[in-house]
Amino acid sequence: MKRRICSYDMVEVPDESYVVTDDIGEIYLCDSRCLCIWAVLLATKPNLNEKIKTQAVTLRLPDREEMTFDTISGLALWATSNALHRAES
């Protein structure tokens, strides 16, 4: 089995990780912090291709629940709220 590497921290991700899927492939992220930073960086990237900005993405949570977002900005908004909520807990 191939190792799964976090797209932000560049370390091996645990089994209970976040997975972002689009038409091209999967992105693995260690935790809510990595998901938040990665999504916000992508959503606010200057000159980001319009196709990437407006494509739908699916997020698989550590508990295996799946959520679908219409845009990367929608994912970034949810990820920010989720990361801040977890930080307060």
N, C-alpha and C. Protein backbone atom coordinates (compact mmCIF):
# COMPACT_ATOMS: atom_id res chain seq x y z
N MET A 1 0.84 -1.18 0.00
CA MET A 1 0.00 0.00 0.00
C MET A 1 0.89 1.25 0.00
N LYS A 2 0.51 2.21 -0.80
CA LYS A 2 1.26 3.46 -0.86
C LYS A 2 1.00 4.28 0.40
N ARG A 3 2.03 5.03 0.81
CA ARG A 3 1.86 5.95 1.93
C ARG A 3 1.07 7.16 1.46
N ARG A 4 0.24 7.68 2.32
CA ARG A 4 -0.52 8.89 2.02
C ARG A 4 0.16 10.05 2.75
N ILE A 5 0.49 11.08 1.99
CA ILE A 5 1.23 12.22 2.52
C ILE A 5 0.32 13.45 2.58
N CYS A 6 0.37 14.17 3.69
CA CYS A 6 -0.42 15.39 3.87
C CYS A 6 0.05 16.45 2.88
N SER A 7 -0.89 17.05 2.19
CA SER A 7 -0.56 18.06 1.18
C SER A 7 -0.13 19.38 1.79
N TYR A 8 -0.26 19.55 3.09
CA TYR A 8 0.22 20.77 3.73
C TYR A 8 1.46 20.50 4.58
N ASP A 9 1.37 19.60 5.55
CA ASP A 9 2.50 19.34 6.45
C ASP A 9 3.56 18.41 5.86
N MET A 10 3.23 17.72 4.79
CA MET A 10 4.17 16.81 4.11
C MET A 10 4.65 15.68 5.01
N VAL A 11 3.76 15.16 5.84
CA VAL A 11 4.05 14.00 6.68
C VAL A 11 3.00 12.93 6.37
N GLU A 12 3.27 11.71 6.77
CA GLU A 12 2.31 10.64 6.54
C GLU A 12 1.04 10.90 7.34
N VAL A 13 -0.11 10.74 6.69
CA VAL A 13 -1.38 11.02 7.37
C VAL A 13 -1.87 9.78 8.10
N PRO A 14 -2.56 9.97 9.23
CA PRO A 14 -3.14 8.84 9.94
C PRO A 14 -4.37 8.32 9.18
N ASP A 15 -4.88 7.17 9.58
CA ASP A 15 -6.08 6.63 8.95
C ASP A 15 -7.27 7.58 9.12
N GLU A 16 -7.34 8.27 10.25
CA GLU A 16 -8.42 9.22 10.51
C GLU A 16 -8.00 10.60 10.01
N SER A 17 -8.03 10.77 8.71
CA SER A 17 -7.60 12.05 8.12
C SER A 17 -8.72 12.61 7.25
N TYR A 18 -8.48 13.79 6.71
CA TYR A 18 -9.40 14.42 5.77
C TYR A 18 -8.93 14.09 4.36
N VAL A 19 -9.88 13.80 3.47
CA VAL A 19 -9.55 13.50 2.08
C VAL A 19 -10.43 14.38 1.20
N VAL A 20 -9.81 15.21 0.36
CA VAL A 20 -10.53 16.05 -0.59
C VAL A 20 -10.42 15.39 -1.96
N THR A 21 -11.56 15.19 -2.62
CA THR A 21 -11.59 14.51 -3.91
C THR A 21 -12.25 15.42 -4.94
N ASP A 22 -11.64 15.45 -6.13
CA ASP A 22 -12.25 16.14 -7.27
C ASP A 22 -12.18 15.21 -8.47
N ASP A 23 -12.40 15.74 -9.67
CA ASP A 23 -12.39 14.92 -10.88
C ASP A 23 -11.02 14.32 -11.18
N ILE A 24 -9.97 14.91 -10.67
CA ILE A 24 -8.61 14.49 -11.01
C ILE A 24 -8.03 13.49 -10.02
N GLY A 25 -8.31 13.66 -8.74
CA GLY A 25 -7.70 12.77 -7.76
C GLY A 25 -8.06 13.13 -6.34
N GLU A 26 -7.18 12.72 -5.42
CA GLU A 26 -7.41 12.92 -3.99
C GLU A 26 -6.27 13.72 -3.36
N ILE A 27 -6.62 14.50 -2.35
CA ILE A 27 -5.67 15.25 -1.55
C ILE A 27 -5.86 14.78 -0.11
N TYR A 28 -4.77 14.46 0.56
CA TYR A 28 -4.84 13.99 1.95
C TYR A 28 -4.35 15.10 2.88
N LEU A 29 -5.07 15.27 3.99
CA LEU A 29 -4.71 16.30 4.97
C LEU A 29 -4.82 15.72 6.37
N CYS A 30 -3.80 15.97 7.20
CA CYS A 30 -3.68 15.35 8.52
C CYS A 30 -4.84 15.64 9.46
N ASP A 31 -5.22 16.91 9.52
CA ASP A 31 -6.17 17.33 10.55
C ASP A 31 -6.91 18.58 10.10
N SER A 32 -7.77 19.11 10.96
CA SER A 32 -8.58 20.28 10.59
C SER A 32 -7.71 21.51 10.33
N ARG A 33 -6.60 21.63 11.02
CA ARG A 33 -5.68 22.75 10.80
C ARG A 33 -5.10 22.71 9.39
N CYS A 34 -4.60 21.56 8.98
CA CYS A 34 -4.02 21.42 7.64
C CYS A 34 -5.08 21.64 6.56
N LEU A 35 -6.28 21.10 6.78
CA LEU A 35 -7.37 21.29 5.82
C LEU A 35 -7.69 22.77 5.67
N CYS A 36 -7.81 23.48 6.77
CA CYS A 36 -8.13 24.90 6.75
C CYS A 36 -7.08 25.71 6.00
N ILE A 37 -5.84 25.52 6.37
CA ILE A 37 -4.76 26.30 5.74
C ILE A 37 -4.67 25.98 4.25
N TRP A 38 -4.71 24.71 3.89
CA TRP A 38 -4.62 24.30 2.49
C TRP A 38 -5.77 24.89 1.68
N ALA A 39 -7.01 24.77 2.19
CA ALA A 39 -8.18 25.25 1.45
C ALA A 39 -8.17 26.77 1.29
N VAL A 40 -7.82 27.49 2.35
CA VAL A 40 -7.77 28.96 2.27
C VAL A 40 -6.66 29.41 1.31
N LEU A 41 -5.50 28.78 1.39
CA LEU A 41 -4.41 29.13 0.47
C LEU A 41 -4.83 28.92 -0.98
N LEU A 42 -5.50 27.81 -1.26
CA LEU A 42 -5.93 27.55 -2.64
C LEU A 42 -7.03 28.52 -3.06
N ALA A 43 -8.03 28.73 -2.22
CA ALA A 43 -9.16 29.60 -2.57
C ALA A 43 -8.74 31.05 -2.79
N THR A 44 -7.68 31.49 -2.13
CA THR A 44 -7.24 32.89 -2.25
C THR A 44 -6.02 33.05 -3.15
N LYS A 45 -5.63 32.00 -3.82
CA LYS A 45 -4.45 32.05 -4.68
C LYS A 45 -4.70 32.99 -5.86
N PRO A 46 -3.81 33.97 -6.05
CA PRO A 46 -3.97 34.88 -7.20
C PRO A 46 -3.86 34.10 -8.51
N ASN A 47 -4.64 34.49 -9.48
CA ASN A 47 -4.62 33.90 -10.82
C ASN A 47 -4.96 32.42 -10.84
N LEU A 48 -5.72 31.95 -9.86
CA LEU A 48 -6.15 30.55 -9.85
C LEU A 48 -7.08 30.30 -11.03
N ASN A 49 -6.86 29.22 -11.73
CA ASN A 49 -7.67 28.85 -12.88
C ASN A 49 -9.15 28.82 -12.49
N GLU A 50 -9.99 29.43 -13.31
CA GLU A 50 -11.43 29.53 -13.03
C GLU A 50 -12.07 28.15 -12.88
N LYS A 51 -11.59 27.18 -13.64
CA LYS A 51 -12.14 25.82 -13.55
C LYS A 51 -11.91 25.25 -12.15
N ILE A 52 -10.74 25.48 -11.59
CA ILE A 52 -10.45 24.99 -10.25
C ILE A 52 -11.29 25.72 -9.21
N LYS A 53 -11.46 27.05 -9.39
CA LYS A 53 -12.26 27.84 -8.45
C LYS A 53 -13.70 27.35 -8.36
N THR A 54 -14.25 26.92 -9.50
CA THR A 54 -15.68 26.63 -9.56
C THR A 54 -16.02 25.14 -9.60
N GLN A 55 -15.03 24.28 -9.48
CA GLN A 55 -15.35 22.84 -9.51
C GLN A 55 -15.84 22.35 -8.16
N ALA A 56 -16.71 21.38 -8.19
CA ALA A 56 -17.21 20.77 -6.96
C ALA A 56 -16.14 19.84 -6.38
N VAL A 57 -16.08 19.78 -5.06
CA VAL A 57 -15.15 18.88 -4.38
C VAL A 57 -15.92 18.12 -3.30
N THR A 58 -15.46 16.92 -3.03
CA THR A 58 -16.03 16.10 -1.96
C THR A 58 -15.00 15.99 -0.85
N LEU A 59 -15.46 16.15 0.36
CA LEU A 59 -14.60 16.04 1.54
C LEU A 59 -15.03 14.83 2.34
N ARG A 60 -14.08 13.93 2.60
CA ARG A 60 -14.35 12.81 3.51
C ARG A 60 -13.73 13.15 4.86
N LEU A 61 -14.55 13.16 5.89
CA LEU A 61 -14.12 13.50 7.24
C LEU A 61 -13.46 12.28 7.90
N PRO A 62 -12.73 12.50 8.99
CA PRO A 62 -12.10 11.38 9.68
C PRO A 62 -13.07 10.27 10.10
N ASP A 63 -14.33 10.63 10.36
CA ASP A 63 -15.32 9.61 10.75
C ASP A 63 -15.98 8.95 9.54
N ARG A 64 -15.45 9.23 8.34
CA ARG A 64 -15.90 8.66 7.05
C ARG A 64 -17.15 9.32 6.49
N GLU A 65 -17.71 10.31 7.18
CA GLU A 65 -18.83 11.06 6.62
C GLU A 65 -18.32 11.84 5.42
N GLU A 66 -19.17 12.01 4.39
CA GLU A 66 -18.78 12.77 3.21
C GLU A 66 -19.64 14.01 3.07
N MET A 67 -18.99 15.09 2.63
CA MET A 67 -19.66 16.36 2.37
C MET A 67 -19.25 16.81 0.98
N THR A 68 -20.17 17.47 0.26
CA THR A 68 -19.85 17.99 -1.07
C THR A 68 -19.99 19.50 -1.05
N PHE A 69 -19.02 20.17 -1.67
CA PHE A 69 -19.01 21.63 -1.77
C PHE A 69 -19.01 22.01 -3.24
N ASP A 70 -19.78 23.05 -3.59
CA ASP A 70 -19.87 23.49 -4.99
C ASP A 70 -18.59 24.15 -5.48
N THR A 71 -17.84 24.75 -4.57
CA THR A 71 -16.61 25.46 -4.95
C THR A 71 -15.54 25.26 -3.88
N ILE A 72 -14.32 25.56 -4.24
CA ILE A 72 -13.22 25.49 -3.28
C ILE A 72 -13.40 26.55 -2.19
N SER A 73 -14.03 27.67 -2.53
CA SER A 73 -14.31 28.70 -1.52
C SER A 73 -15.29 28.20 -0.47
N GLY A 74 -16.27 27.43 -0.90
CA GLY A 74 -17.22 26.84 0.04
C GLY A 74 -16.52 25.89 1.00
N LEU A 75 -15.61 25.11 0.48
CA LEU A 75 -14.81 24.22 1.33
C LEU A 75 -13.97 25.04 2.30
N ALA A 76 -13.34 26.10 1.81
CA ALA A 76 -12.48 26.94 2.66
C ALA A 76 -13.28 27.57 3.81
N LEU A 77 -14.48 28.04 3.52
CA LEU A 77 -15.33 28.63 4.56
C LEU A 77 -15.67 27.59 5.63
N TRP A 78 -16.09 26.40 5.19
CA TRP A 78 -16.43 25.34 6.15
C TRP A 78 -15.20 24.93 6.95
N ALA A 79 -14.06 24.76 6.27
CA ALA A 79 -12.84 24.31 6.93
C ALA A 79 -12.37 25.32 7.98
N THR A 80 -12.51 26.60 7.69
CA THR A 80 -12.12 27.64 8.65
C THR A 80 -12.99 27.56 9.90
N SER A 81 -14.29 27.49 9.70
CA SER A 81 -15.21 27.38 10.83
C SER A 81 -14.94 26.12 11.64
N ASN A 82 -14.71 25.01 10.96
CA ASN A 82 -14.44 23.74 11.63
C ASN A 82 -13.15 23.80 12.44
N ALA A 83 -12.10 24.36 11.87
CA ALA A 83 -10.81 24.44 12.57
C ALA A 83 -10.91 25.35 13.79
N LEU A 84 -11.59 26.48 13.66
CA LEU A 84 -11.74 27.40 14.79
C LEU A 84 -12.60 26.78 15.89
N HIS A 85 -13.63 26.07 15.50
CA HIS A 85 -14.49 25.40 16.49
C HIS A 85 -13.69 24.35 17.26
N ARG A 86 -12.86 23.58 16.56
CA ARG A 86 -12.05 22.55 17.22
C ARG A 86 -11.01 23.18 18.14
N ALA A 87 -10.48 24.34 17.75
CA ALA A 87 -9.47 25.02 18.58
C ALA A 87 -10.08 25.51 19.89
N GLU A 88 -11.36 25.87 19.86
CA GLU A 88 -12.04 26.35 21.07
C GLU A 88 -12.40 25.22 22.02
N SER A 89 -12.52 24.00 21.49
CA SER A 89 -12.92 22.85 22.31
C SER A 89 -11.82 22.37 23.22
